[in-house]
Structure formats: C-alpha cells, structure tokens
Amino acid sequence: MPISIELKPEVEERLGREAEAVGLSVKAYVEDLIERQISVPREGAAPGVDIEELDRVLDALSEGSVDRPAPPPEAYTRESIYQEHN
C-alpha cells in the first residue's frame, strides 16, 4: 500500500543519515521502523512477554507466602528503609 507523507527537512535528513548508517535505503529503513512500532503489544507489555507465563511465574514466587507473618509497621518507615544513607 503506497503512503505519502510530508516530512520536515530536518527529519528527512536525519532519516537519510540513520538509514545510511545501518546500510539501508530510506524506504527500507522507514518500513522497518513502522513494522517494529506496530509489532509492540498495546497492552503495555514488553515485546515477547507472555502475560500468562508471567502470571505463572509470579504465582510460583508467591507460593508459601500466604502463611508468612506481615512485617511490623516500623519496617516501612523512611528511617528504616534509608538507615544506612546520610
């Protein structure tokens, strides 16, 4: 599908420099940029991250933590967190 866009001269120059730096034509470079951009999941997850696998890993990490006692409130004070910093 042909698409035409008007670019600012400085953007066009930068695209040319960046395409040349990686050994591509401007057309191929722009196609690659667009393909990489639209391949990123829109759910906020990083590319290649399987949400179901992440859930399984987090569930495995949390196993056995249900019966652990909660830390005392003083464990969450600024002083206790930054006690070794001046």
Protein backbone atom coordinates (compact mmCIF):
# COMPACT_ATOMS: atom_id res chain seq x y z
CA MET A 1 0.00 0.00 0.00
CA PRO A 2 1.63 3.24 -1.06
CA ILE A 3 1.61 6.03 1.52
CA SER A 4 2.92 9.56 1.06
CA ILE A 5 3.86 11.83 3.95
CA GLU A 6 5.40 15.27 4.10
CA LEU A 7 8.37 15.48 6.45
CA LYS A 8 10.22 18.46 7.80
CA PRO A 9 13.56 18.82 6.02
CA GLU A 10 15.50 18.11 9.24
CA VAL A 11 13.52 14.89 9.80
CA GLU A 12 14.13 13.79 6.23
CA GLU A 13 17.87 14.48 6.62
CA ARG A 14 18.04 12.54 9.87
CA LEU A 15 16.21 9.58 8.33
CA GLY A 16 18.71 9.61 5.49
CA ARG A 17 21.68 9.65 7.87
CA GLU A 18 20.26 6.89 10.06
CA ALA A 19 19.33 4.73 7.07
CA GLU A 20 22.81 5.13 5.64
CA ALA A 21 24.39 4.27 9.00
CA VAL A 22 22.66 0.88 9.02
CA GLY A 23 23.14 0.26 5.30
CA LEU A 24 19.51 0.60 4.22
CA SER A 25 17.65 2.78 1.79
CA VAL A 26 15.42 5.39 3.38
CA LYS A 27 12.39 3.43 2.16
CA ALA A 28 13.60 0.18 3.74
CA TYR A 29 14.59 1.98 6.94
CA VAL A 30 11.17 3.64 7.32
CA GLU A 31 9.42 0.32 6.57
CA ASP A 32 11.49 -1.33 9.30
CA LEU A 33 10.69 1.45 11.79
CA ILE A 34 6.97 1.15 11.11
CA GLU A 35 6.97 -2.67 11.30
CA ARG A 36 8.82 -2.61 14.62
CA GLN A 37 6.48 0.04 16.02
CA ILE A 38 3.27 -1.80 15.15
CA SER A 39 4.61 -5.14 16.40
CA VAL A 40 4.77 -3.83 20.00
CA PRO A 41 1.79 -5.06 22.04
CA ARG A 42 -0.53 -2.24 23.09
CA GLU A 43 -1.32 -3.75 26.49
CA GLY A 44 1.77 -2.18 27.97
CA ALA A 45 3.76 -5.41 28.00
CA ALA A 46 7.24 -5.53 26.58
CA PRO A 47 7.62 -7.32 23.24
CA GLY A 48 7.95 -11.05 23.69
CA VAL A 49 6.40 -11.14 27.16
CA ASP A 50 3.69 -13.75 27.54
CA ILE A 51 1.25 -12.46 30.17
CA GLU A 52 0.10 -15.98 31.07
CA GLU A 53 3.68 -17.13 31.62
CA LEU A 54 4.34 -14.05 33.75
CA ASP A 55 1.27 -14.89 35.86
CA ARG A 56 2.56 -18.46 36.34
CA VAL A 57 6.00 -17.24 37.41
CA LEU A 58 4.55 -14.72 39.85
CA ASP A 59 2.21 -17.36 41.29
CA ALA A 60 5.17 -19.71 41.78
CA LEU A 61 7.14 -16.96 43.52
CA SER A 62 4.27 -16.23 45.86
CA GLU A 63 3.71 -19.87 46.88
CA GLY A 64 4.10 -20.26 50.62
CA SER A 65 3.88 -16.56 51.30
CA VAL A 66 0.27 -16.72 52.48
CA ASP A 67 1.24 -18.03 55.92
CA ARG A 68 4.15 -15.67 56.42
CA PRO A 69 3.63 -13.03 59.08
CA ALA A 70 3.39 -9.42 57.97
CA PRO A 71 6.42 -7.27 58.80
CA PRO A 72 5.95 -4.83 61.66
CA PRO A 73 4.87 -1.28 60.73
CA GLU A 74 8.29 0.12 61.63
CA ALA A 75 9.75 -1.91 58.75
CA TYR A 76 8.16 0.58 56.37
CA THR A 77 9.33 3.83 57.90
CA ARG A 78 11.60 6.12 55.93
CA GLU A 79 14.22 5.83 58.64
CA SER A 80 14.31 2.03 58.49
CA ILE A 81 14.49 1.98 54.70
CA TYR A 82 17.24 4.61 54.45
CA GLN A 83 19.04 3.86 57.72
CA GLU A 84 22.43 3.43 56.02
CA HIS A 85 22.17 6.61 53.94
CA ASN A 86 23.05 10.07 55.18
